C-alpha cells in the first residue's frame, strides 16, 4: 500500500484521497480513519489474491485502500456534487455530478475491467479486483467506523438519494 508504480500513479491516488478522504476522516476521526484505511487496503489485496491466487505480478499502490474510501463516501455522501473534468478532443469542461453517479460509474468500470482481465494471460497492469474488494470493504466497514451522528444524518431510503432541492 505504500509503494507506487510511478509519479502518475502516486498523484492519481493522492488526488482521490484528497478529494474524498477528508470527509471520511471527519466522519470517523483520525485514529479510526487510519485503521479503516488499512483494513480496506488489506481487504483489497485479499480480494485480488483470491481472484488470482497464482499471479506472480506484484501489487503496488494505495488504490485498493482508497477504493474503500470511495465506497464509504458513496454510502455517507451520495448526493454531494463532485466537480469532474471532462476532456474531449475539441472541448474541455467541468461537470458537477452527484457522488452516486460518479462513484457508481467508477465502480462499474472497475468491475468490468476486472471481468475482462480474468481471461487474459498474466500481463500485469491494474489490479481491478483489488479496487472492487476495497470498495466493498469501505461500504461495509464505514458503518462500524463512522460516528453515530454521521450515520444518523445519512439518507436511509433509496428515494432520498435521488431527490434534489434547488438550494
N, C-alpha and C. Protein backbone atom coordinates (compact mmCIF):
# COMPACT_ATOMS: atom_id res chain seq x y z
N UNK A 1 0.82 -1.20 0.00
CA UNK A 1 0.00 0.00 0.00
C UNK A 1 0.86 1.26 0.00
N UNK A 2 2.13 1.13 0.22
CA UNK A 2 2.96 2.32 0.36
C UNK A 2 3.97 2.48 -0.77
N UNK A 3 3.89 1.63 -1.78
CA UNK A 3 4.72 1.75 -2.98
C UNK A 3 3.83 2.10 -4.15
N UNK A 4 4.39 2.77 -5.15
CA UNK A 4 3.61 3.13 -6.33
C UNK A 4 4.41 2.86 -7.59
N UNK A 5 3.69 2.71 -8.70
CA UNK A 5 4.31 2.37 -9.98
C UNK A 5 4.78 3.57 -10.77
N UNK A 6 4.90 4.72 -10.17
CA UNK A 6 5.37 5.92 -10.86
C UNK A 6 4.66 7.15 -10.33
N UNK A 7 5.08 8.31 -10.84
CA UNK A 7 4.54 9.57 -10.36
C UNK A 7 3.06 9.73 -10.65
N UNK A 8 2.61 9.35 -11.85
CA UNK A 8 1.19 9.49 -12.19
C UNK A 8 0.32 8.61 -11.29
N UNK A 9 0.81 7.42 -10.98
CA UNK A 9 0.10 6.52 -10.07
C UNK A 9 -0.04 7.17 -8.70
N UNK A 10 1.07 7.70 -8.19
CA UNK A 10 1.06 8.35 -6.88
C UNK A 10 0.16 9.58 -6.88
N UNK A 11 0.28 10.44 -7.90
CA UNK A 11 -0.51 11.67 -7.96
C UNK A 11 -2.00 11.35 -8.09
N UNK A 12 -2.35 10.37 -8.90
CA UNK A 12 -3.76 9.97 -9.03
C UNK A 12 -4.35 9.49 -7.72
N UNK A 13 -3.58 8.68 -7.00
CA UNK A 13 -4.05 8.19 -5.69
C UNK A 13 -4.18 9.33 -4.69
N UNK A 14 -3.20 10.23 -4.67
CA UNK A 14 -3.27 11.36 -3.73
C UNK A 14 -4.42 12.30 -4.06
N UNK A 15 -4.71 12.49 -5.33
CA UNK A 15 -5.83 13.34 -5.73
C UNK A 15 -7.14 12.74 -5.22
N UNK A 16 -7.33 11.45 -5.45
CA UNK A 16 -8.55 10.78 -4.97
C UNK A 16 -8.65 10.83 -3.45
N UNK A 17 -7.55 10.59 -2.79
CA UNK A 17 -7.55 10.63 -1.32
C UNK A 17 -7.85 12.04 -0.82
N UNK A 18 -7.32 13.05 -1.50
CA UNK A 18 -7.56 14.43 -1.10
C UNK A 18 -8.99 14.86 -1.30
N UNK A 19 -9.60 14.43 -2.39
CA UNK A 19 -10.98 14.83 -2.68
C UNK A 19 -11.97 14.14 -1.75
N UNK A 20 -11.79 12.85 -1.54
CA UNK A 20 -12.79 12.07 -0.80
C UNK A 20 -12.38 11.74 0.64
N UNK A 21 -11.10 11.62 0.89
CA UNK A 21 -10.63 11.14 2.19
C UNK A 21 -10.89 12.07 3.35
N UNK A 22 -10.83 13.39 3.11
CA UNK A 22 -11.00 14.30 4.24
C UNK A 22 -12.39 14.20 4.85
N UNK A 23 -13.41 13.98 4.03
CA UNK A 23 -14.76 13.84 4.56
C UNK A 23 -14.93 12.55 5.36
N UNK A 24 -14.30 11.48 4.88
CA UNK A 24 -14.40 10.21 5.60
C UNK A 24 -13.61 10.29 6.90
N UNK A 25 -12.47 10.96 6.88
CA UNK A 25 -11.71 11.14 8.11
C UNK A 25 -12.50 11.98 9.11
N UNK A 26 -13.20 13.00 8.63
CA UNK A 26 -14.06 13.79 9.52
C UNK A 26 -15.17 12.94 10.12
N UNK A 27 -15.69 12.00 9.34
CA UNK A 27 -16.80 11.16 9.81
C UNK A 27 -16.35 10.09 10.80
N UNK A 28 -15.08 9.71 10.74
CA UNK A 28 -14.60 8.63 11.60
C UNK A 28 -13.70 9.11 12.73
N UNK A 29 -12.98 10.17 12.50
CA UNK A 29 -11.94 10.59 13.44
C UNK A 29 -10.59 10.11 12.92
N UNK A 30 -9.52 10.74 13.37
CA UNK A 30 -8.19 10.48 12.81
C UNK A 30 -7.72 9.04 13.01
N UNK A 31 -7.73 8.56 14.23
CA UNK A 31 -7.23 7.21 14.52
C UNK A 31 -8.06 6.13 13.87
N UNK A 32 -9.38 6.28 13.95
CA UNK A 32 -10.26 5.28 13.34
C UNK A 32 -10.13 5.29 11.82
N UNK A 33 -9.85 6.47 11.25
CA UNK A 33 -9.67 6.54 9.79
C UNK A 33 -8.45 5.74 9.37
N UNK A 34 -7.38 5.85 10.11
CA UNK A 34 -6.17 5.10 9.79
C UNK A 34 -6.45 3.60 9.80
N UNK A 35 -7.13 3.11 10.82
CA UNK A 35 -7.46 1.69 10.91
C UNK A 35 -8.40 1.30 9.76
N UNK A 36 -9.41 2.12 9.51
CA UNK A 36 -10.34 1.88 8.40
C UNK A 36 -9.59 1.77 7.07
N UNK A 37 -8.71 2.72 6.83
CA UNK A 37 -7.93 2.78 5.59
C UNK A 37 -7.06 1.52 5.42
N UNK A 38 -6.37 1.14 6.47
CA UNK A 38 -5.51 -0.05 6.41
C UNK A 38 -6.32 -1.33 6.21
N UNK A 39 -7.46 -1.44 6.89
CA UNK A 39 -8.32 -2.62 6.71
C UNK A 39 -8.87 -2.70 5.28
N UNK A 40 -9.23 -1.56 4.71
CA UNK A 40 -9.69 -1.56 3.32
C UNK A 40 -8.58 -2.01 2.38
N UNK A 41 -7.36 -1.56 2.65
CA UNK A 41 -6.22 -1.98 1.83
C UNK A 41 -5.95 -3.47 1.94
N UNK A 42 -6.06 -4.00 3.13
CA UNK A 42 -5.86 -5.44 3.34
C UNK A 42 -6.97 -6.23 2.64
N UNK A 43 -8.21 -5.77 2.76
CA UNK A 43 -9.33 -6.43 2.08
C UNK A 43 -9.15 -6.39 0.57
N UNK A 44 -8.64 -5.27 0.07
CA UNK A 44 -8.40 -5.14 -1.37
C UNK A 44 -7.36 -6.15 -1.84
N UNK A 45 -6.25 -6.23 -1.14
CA UNK A 45 -5.20 -7.18 -1.52
C UNK A 45 -5.69 -8.62 -1.41
N UNK A 46 -6.47 -8.90 -0.38
CA UNK A 46 -7.00 -10.25 -0.21
C UNK A 46 -7.96 -10.62 -1.35
N UNK A 47 -8.78 -9.66 -1.77
CA UNK A 47 -9.70 -9.92 -2.88
C UNK A 47 -8.95 -10.23 -4.16
N UNK A 48 -7.95 -9.42 -4.48
CA UNK A 48 -7.17 -9.64 -5.70
C UNK A 48 -6.44 -10.98 -5.63
N UNK A 49 -5.91 -11.31 -4.46
CA UNK A 49 -5.21 -12.59 -4.29
C UNK A 49 -6.17 -13.76 -4.43
N UNK A 50 -7.39 -13.62 -3.90
CA UNK A 50 -8.39 -14.68 -4.01
C UNK A 50 -8.78 -14.91 -5.46
N UNK A 51 -8.96 -13.83 -6.21
CA UNK A 51 -9.39 -13.95 -7.61
C UNK A 51 -8.25 -14.47 -8.48
N UNK A 52 -7.03 -14.10 -8.17
CA UNK A 52 -5.89 -14.50 -8.99
C UNK A 52 -4.78 -15.07 -8.09
N UNK A 53 -5.01 -16.26 -7.51
CA UNK A 53 -4.09 -16.77 -6.49
C UNK A 53 -2.71 -17.17 -7.02
N UNK A 54 -2.60 -17.45 -8.30
CA UNK A 54 -1.31 -17.91 -8.84
C UNK A 54 -0.53 -16.80 -9.53
N UNK A 55 -1.00 -15.58 -9.40
CA UNK A 55 -0.32 -14.45 -10.04
C UNK A 55 1.05 -14.23 -9.44
N UNK A 56 2.01 -13.97 -10.29
CA UNK A 56 3.36 -13.63 -9.83
C UNK A 56 3.64 -12.13 -10.02
N UNK A 57 2.63 -11.40 -10.47
CA UNK A 57 2.77 -9.96 -10.69
C UNK A 57 2.57 -9.25 -9.35
N UNK A 58 3.53 -8.42 -8.95
CA UNK A 58 3.37 -7.73 -7.66
C UNK A 58 2.27 -6.67 -7.71
N UNK A 59 1.61 -6.48 -6.58
CA UNK A 59 0.62 -5.41 -6.46
C UNK A 59 1.28 -4.24 -5.74
N UNK A 60 1.16 -3.06 -6.32
CA UNK A 60 1.69 -1.87 -5.67
C UNK A 60 0.62 -0.78 -5.72
N UNK A 61 0.68 0.11 -4.75
CA UNK A 61 -0.22 1.26 -4.75
C UNK A 61 -1.24 1.20 -3.65
N UNK A 62 -1.82 2.35 -3.41
CA UNK A 62 -2.82 2.50 -2.37
C UNK A 62 -4.23 2.49 -2.94
N UNK A 63 -4.37 2.13 -4.21
CA UNK A 63 -5.67 2.21 -4.88
C UNK A 63 -6.74 1.38 -4.20
N UNK A 64 -6.40 0.22 -3.69
CA UNK A 64 -7.39 -0.62 -3.01
C UNK A 64 -7.90 0.04 -1.74
N UNK A 65 -7.00 0.61 -0.95
CA UNK A 65 -7.41 1.29 0.28
C UNK A 65 -8.22 2.55 -0.06
N UNK A 66 -7.80 3.27 -1.07
CA UNK A 66 -8.52 4.47 -1.49
C UNK A 66 -9.88 4.09 -2.06
N UNK A 67 -9.97 2.95 -2.68
CA UNK A 67 -11.28 2.46 -3.16
C UNK A 67 -12.23 2.26 -1.98
N UNK A 68 -11.70 1.85 -0.85
CA UNK A 68 -12.51 1.74 0.36
C UNK A 68 -13.04 3.09 0.79
N UNK A 69 -12.20 4.11 0.67
CA UNK A 69 -12.63 5.48 0.99
C UNK A 69 -13.75 5.90 0.04
N UNK A 70 -13.63 5.53 -1.24
CA UNK A 70 -14.68 5.86 -2.22
C UNK A 70 -15.99 5.16 -1.88
N UNK A 71 -15.91 3.90 -1.47
CA UNK A 71 -17.11 3.18 -1.07
C UNK A 71 -17.78 3.83 0.14
N UNK A 72 -16.98 4.24 1.10
CA UNK A 72 -17.51 4.92 2.28
C UNK A 72 -18.16 6.25 1.89
N UNK A 73 -17.53 6.97 0.99
CA UNK A 73 -18.07 8.25 0.53
C UNK A 73 -19.41 8.05 -0.15
N UNK A 74 -19.50 7.03 -0.98
CA UNK A 74 -20.76 6.74 -1.66
C UNK A 74 -21.87 6.48 -0.65
N UNK A 75 -21.58 5.75 0.39
CA UNK A 75 -22.60 5.43 1.38
C UNK A 75 -23.00 6.66 2.22
N UNK A 76 -22.02 7.47 2.61
CA UNK A 76 -22.30 8.58 3.51
C UNK A 76 -22.75 9.86 2.80
N UNK A 77 -22.25 10.09 1.60
CA UNK A 77 -22.49 11.36 0.92
C UNK A 77 -22.92 11.16 -0.54
N UNK A 78 -23.97 10.40 -0.80
CA UNK A 78 -24.33 10.07 -2.19
C UNK A 78 -24.78 11.27 -3.02
N UNK A 79 -25.30 12.30 -2.39
CA UNK A 79 -25.85 13.43 -3.14
C UNK A 79 -24.87 14.60 -3.30
N UNK A 80 -23.74 14.55 -2.64
CA UNK A 80 -22.77 15.63 -2.75
C UNK A 80 -22.27 15.69 -4.19
N UNK A 81 -22.22 16.90 -4.72
CA UNK A 81 -21.79 17.07 -6.11
C UNK A 81 -20.26 17.12 -6.18
N UNK A 82 -19.73 16.33 -7.09
CA UNK A 82 -18.28 16.23 -7.29
C UNK A 82 -17.97 16.87 -8.64
N UNK A 83 -17.10 17.86 -8.65
CA UNK A 83 -16.72 18.52 -9.90
C UNK A 83 -15.76 17.62 -10.66
N UNK A 84 -16.12 17.32 -11.88
CA UNK A 84 -15.39 16.36 -12.71
C UNK A 84 -14.90 17.04 -13.97
N UNK A 85 -13.66 16.84 -14.32
CA UNK A 85 -13.08 17.40 -15.54
C UNK A 85 -13.40 16.48 -16.71
N UNK A 86 -13.98 17.03 -17.75
CA UNK A 86 -14.30 16.27 -18.97
C UNK A 86 -13.39 16.78 -20.08
N UNK A 87 -12.60 15.88 -20.65
CA UNK A 87 -11.69 16.27 -21.73
C UNK A 87 -12.07 15.49 -22.98
N UNK A 88 -12.53 16.21 -23.98
CA UNK A 88 -12.83 15.65 -25.29
C UNK A 88 -11.82 16.24 -26.28
N UNK A 89 -11.66 15.64 -27.45
CA UNK A 89 -10.63 16.15 -28.38
C UNK A 89 -10.71 17.65 -28.69
N UNK A 90 -11.92 18.20 -28.76
CA UNK A 90 -12.02 19.61 -29.11
C UNK A 90 -12.71 20.45 -28.04
N UNK A 91 -12.91 19.86 -26.85
CA UNK A 91 -13.70 20.55 -25.84
C UNK A 91 -13.26 20.11 -24.44
N UNK A 92 -13.05 21.07 -23.56
CA UNK A 92 -12.71 20.77 -22.16
C UNK A 92 -13.69 21.55 -21.28
N UNK A 93 -14.29 20.84 -20.32
CA UNK A 93 -15.23 21.48 -19.42
C UNK A 93 -15.25 20.74 -18.09
N UNK A 94 -15.99 21.28 -17.15
CA UNK A 94 -16.22 20.58 -15.88
C UNK A 94 -17.72 20.37 -15.72
N UNK A 95 -18.04 19.31 -15.03
CA UNK A 95 -19.44 18.96 -14.75
C UNK A 95 -19.52 18.58 -13.28
N UNK A 96 -20.53 19.06 -12.59
CA UNK A 96 -20.75 18.69 -11.19
C UNK A 96 -21.74 17.53 -11.15
N UNK A 97 -21.25 16.37 -10.82
CA UNK A 97 -22.07 15.16 -10.78
C UNK A 97 -22.33 14.74 -9.35
N UNK A 98 -23.51 14.19 -9.06
CA UNK A 98 -23.72 13.63 -7.73
C UNK A 98 -22.73 12.48 -7.50
N UNK A 99 -22.28 12.34 -6.27
CA UNK A 99 -21.29 11.31 -5.96
C UNK A 99 -21.76 9.92 -6.37
N UNK A 100 -23.06 9.63 -6.21
CA UNK A 100 -23.53 8.29 -6.56
C UNK A 100 -23.38 8.02 -8.05
N UNK A 101 -23.48 9.04 -8.90
CA UNK A 101 -23.30 8.85 -10.34
C UNK A 101 -21.82 8.60 -10.64
N UNK A 102 -20.98 9.49 -10.15
CA UNK A 102 -19.56 9.38 -10.45
C UNK A 102 -18.95 8.10 -9.87
N UNK A 103 -19.23 7.82 -8.61
CA UNK A 103 -18.63 6.65 -7.97
C UNK A 103 -19.28 5.36 -8.46
N UNK A 104 -20.56 5.40 -8.79
CA UNK A 104 -21.20 4.23 -9.39
C UNK A 104 -20.58 3.90 -10.74
N UNK A 105 -20.34 4.92 -11.54
CA UNK A 105 -19.68 4.74 -12.84
C UNK A 105 -18.27 4.18 -12.65
N UNK A 106 -17.53 4.76 -11.71
CA UNK A 106 -16.18 4.28 -11.44
C UNK A 106 -16.19 2.82 -11.01
N UNK A 107 -17.11 2.46 -10.09
CA UNK A 107 -17.18 1.07 -9.60
C UNK A 107 -17.54 0.12 -10.73
N UNK A 108 -18.44 0.53 -11.61
CA UNK A 108 -18.81 -0.31 -12.75
C UNK A 108 -17.61 -0.52 -13.67
N UNK A 109 -16.82 0.53 -13.90
CA UNK A 109 -15.62 0.38 -14.73
C UNK A 109 -14.63 -0.60 -14.10
N UNK A 110 -14.49 -0.55 -12.79
CA UNK A 110 -13.56 -1.47 -12.11
C UNK A 110 -14.03 -2.92 -12.24
N UNK A 111 -15.33 -3.13 -12.06
CA UNK A 111 -15.88 -4.48 -12.16
C UNK A 111 -15.75 -5.01 -13.58
N UNK A 112 -16.09 -4.19 -14.56
CA UNK A 112 -15.98 -4.61 -15.96
C UNK A 112 -14.52 -4.85 -16.35
N UNK A 113 -13.64 -3.98 -15.90
CA UNK A 113 -12.21 -4.18 -16.15
C UNK A 113 -11.71 -5.46 -15.52
N UNK A 114 -12.19 -5.75 -14.32
CA UNK A 114 -11.79 -6.99 -13.64
C UNK A 114 -12.30 -8.21 -14.36
N UNK A 115 -13.54 -8.18 -14.80
CA UNK A 115 -14.09 -9.32 -15.53
C UNK A 115 -13.34 -9.53 -16.83
N UNK A 116 -12.98 -8.43 -17.49
CA UNK A 116 -12.21 -8.53 -18.73
C UNK A 116 -10.81 -9.08 -18.50
N UNK A 117 -10.24 -8.81 -17.33
CA UNK A 117 -8.88 -9.27 -17.05
C UNK A 117 -8.83 -10.75 -16.68
N UNK A 118 -9.97 -11.35 -16.36
CA UNK A 118 -9.97 -12.76 -15.98
C UNK A 118 -9.53 -13.67 -17.11
N UNK A 119 -9.82 -13.29 -18.34
CA UNK A 119 -9.49 -14.13 -19.48
C UNK A 119 -8.09 -13.89 -20.02
N UNK A 120 -7.42 -12.85 -19.55
CA UNK A 120 -6.10 -12.52 -20.08
C UNK A 120 -5.02 -13.32 -19.36
N UNK A 121 -3.95 -13.58 -20.10
CA UNK A 121 -2.78 -14.23 -19.52
C UNK A 121 -2.03 -13.18 -18.69
N UNK A 122 -1.30 -13.62 -17.67
CA UNK A 122 -0.59 -12.71 -16.78
C UNK A 122 0.23 -11.69 -17.56
N UNK A 123 -0.26 -10.46 -17.65
CA UNK A 123 0.47 -9.40 -18.32
C UNK A 123 0.82 -8.27 -17.36
N UNK A 124 0.29 -8.29 -16.19
CA UNK A 124 0.47 -7.17 -15.29
C UNK A 124 -0.60 -6.14 -15.56
N UNK A 125 -0.45 -4.98 -14.99
CA UNK A 125 -1.42 -3.93 -15.21
C UNK A 125 -2.17 -3.59 -13.95
N UNK A 126 -3.44 -3.33 -14.10
CA UNK A 126 -4.27 -2.85 -13.00
C UNK A 126 -4.89 -4.03 -12.24
N UNK A 127 -4.81 -3.98 -10.93
CA UNK A 127 -5.43 -5.00 -10.08
C UNK A 127 -6.88 -4.57 -9.82
N UNK A 128 -7.73 -4.79 -10.82
CA UNK A 128 -9.12 -4.32 -10.76
C UNK A 128 -9.87 -4.89 -9.57
N UNK A 129 -9.66 -6.16 -9.27
CA UNK A 129 -10.40 -6.76 -8.17
C UNK A 129 -9.94 -6.25 -6.81
N UNK A 130 -8.73 -5.70 -6.73
CA UNK A 130 -8.32 -5.02 -5.50
C UNK A 130 -9.19 -3.77 -5.32
N UNK A 131 -9.46 -3.08 -6.41
CA UNK A 131 -10.34 -1.91 -6.34
C UNK A 131 -11.75 -2.31 -5.92
N UNK A 132 -12.25 -3.37 -6.52
CA UNK A 132 -13.61 -3.84 -6.18
C UNK A 132 -13.67 -4.28 -4.72
N UNK A 133 -12.68 -5.05 -4.28
CA UNK A 133 -12.66 -5.52 -2.90
C UNK A 133 -12.54 -4.38 -1.89
N UNK A 134 -11.70 -3.40 -2.20
CA UNK A 134 -11.56 -2.25 -1.32
C UNK A 134 -12.84 -1.44 -1.25
N UNK A 135 -13.49 -1.26 -2.39
CA UNK A 135 -14.75 -0.51 -2.46
C UNK A 135 -15.82 -1.17 -1.60
N UNK A 136 -15.97 -2.47 -1.74
CA UNK A 136 -16.96 -3.20 -0.94
C UNK A 136 -16.61 -3.14 0.54
N UNK A 137 -15.33 -3.29 0.85
CA UNK A 137 -14.90 -3.19 2.26
C UNK A 137 -15.24 -1.82 2.83
N UNK A 138 -15.05 -0.77 2.05
CA UNK A 138 -15.39 0.57 2.51
C UNK A 138 -16.87 0.74 2.77
N UNK A 139 -17.70 0.17 1.88
CA UNK A 139 -19.15 0.22 2.07
C UNK A 139 -19.56 -0.45 3.38
N UNK A 140 -18.92 -1.56 3.70
CA UNK A 140 -19.27 -2.33 4.89
C UNK A 140 -18.65 -1.73 6.15
N UNK A 141 -17.36 -1.43 6.09
CA UNK A 141 -16.63 -1.01 7.30
C UNK A 141 -16.99 0.39 7.77
N UNK A 142 -17.42 1.26 6.88
CA UNK A 142 -17.73 2.62 7.32
C UNK A 142 -18.86 2.64 8.33
N UNK A 143 -19.73 1.66 8.29
CA UNK A 143 -20.82 1.57 9.27
C UNK A 143 -20.28 1.32 10.67
N UNK A 144 -19.14 0.68 10.75
CA UNK A 144 -18.52 0.40 12.05
C UNK A 144 -17.68 1.59 12.52
N UNK A 145 -17.01 2.26 11.59
CA UNK A 145 -16.05 3.30 11.96
C UNK A 145 -16.62 4.71 12.02
N UNK A 146 -17.67 5.01 11.28
CA UNK A 146 -18.23 6.36 11.27
C UNK A 146 -18.94 6.66 12.59
N UNK A 147 -18.96 7.92 12.96
CA UNK A 147 -19.63 8.31 14.19
C UNK A 147 -21.14 8.11 14.05
N UNK A 148 -21.80 7.91 15.18
CA UNK A 148 -23.25 7.70 15.17
C UNK A 148 -23.98 8.91 14.59
N UNK A 149 -23.48 10.10 14.87
CA UNK A 149 -24.12 11.32 14.36
C UNK A 149 -24.09 11.35 12.83
N UNK A 150 -22.98 11.01 12.23
CA UNK A 150 -22.87 10.99 10.77
C UNK A 150 -23.79 9.93 10.18
N UNK A 151 -23.84 8.78 10.80
CA UNK A 151 -24.70 7.70 10.29
C UNK A 151 -26.18 8.07 10.41
N UNK A 152 -26.56 8.79 11.44
CA UNK A 152 -27.96 9.22 11.59
C UNK A 152 -28.38 10.20 10.51
N UNK A 153 -27.46 11.06 10.07
CA UNK A 153 -27.76 12.05 9.03
C UNK A 153 -27.86 11.43 7.64
N UNK A 154 -27.32 10.24 7.48
CA UNK A 154 -27.27 9.60 6.17
C UNK A 154 -28.68 9.25 5.70
N UNK A 155 -28.97 9.46 4.39
CA UNK A 155 -30.28 9.06 3.87
C UNK A 155 -30.47 7.56 4.03
N UNK A 156 -31.67 7.15 4.44
CA UNK A 156 -31.93 5.73 4.64
C UNK A 156 -32.84 5.13 3.58
N UNK A 157 -33.59 5.94 2.89
CA UNK A 157 -34.49 5.44 1.85
C UNK A 157 -33.87 5.70 0.48
N UNK A 158 -33.95 4.74 -0.45
CA UNK A 158 -33.37 4.95 -1.78
C UNK A 158 -33.86 6.22 -2.46
N UNK A 159 -35.11 6.60 -2.26
CA UNK A 159 -35.64 7.80 -2.91
C UNK A 159 -34.90 9.05 -2.43
N UNK A 160 -34.40 9.04 -1.20
CA UNK A 160 -33.68 10.19 -0.68
C UNK A 160 -32.35 10.41 -1.40
N UNK A 161 -31.79 9.38 -1.99
CA UNK A 161 -30.54 9.52 -2.71
C UNK A 161 -30.72 10.33 -3.99
N UNK A 162 -31.88 10.27 -4.59
CA UNK A 162 -32.09 10.85 -5.91
C UNK A 162 -32.86 12.15 -5.89
N UNK A 163 -33.41 12.54 -4.77
CA UNK A 163 -34.21 13.75 -4.67
C UNK A 163 -33.29 14.93 -4.40
N UNK A 164 -33.41 15.96 -5.23
CA UNK A 164 -32.56 17.14 -5.07
C UNK A 164 -33.41 18.36 -4.81
N UNK A 165 -32.89 19.23 -3.99
CA UNK A 165 -33.55 20.52 -3.76
C UNK A 165 -32.84 21.57 -4.59
N UNK A 166 -33.52 22.61 -4.95
CA UNK A 166 -32.91 23.65 -5.78
C UNK A 166 -31.94 24.54 -5.02
N UNK A 167 -31.89 24.44 -3.70
CA UNK A 167 -30.98 25.30 -2.93
C UNK A 167 -29.60 24.75 -2.94
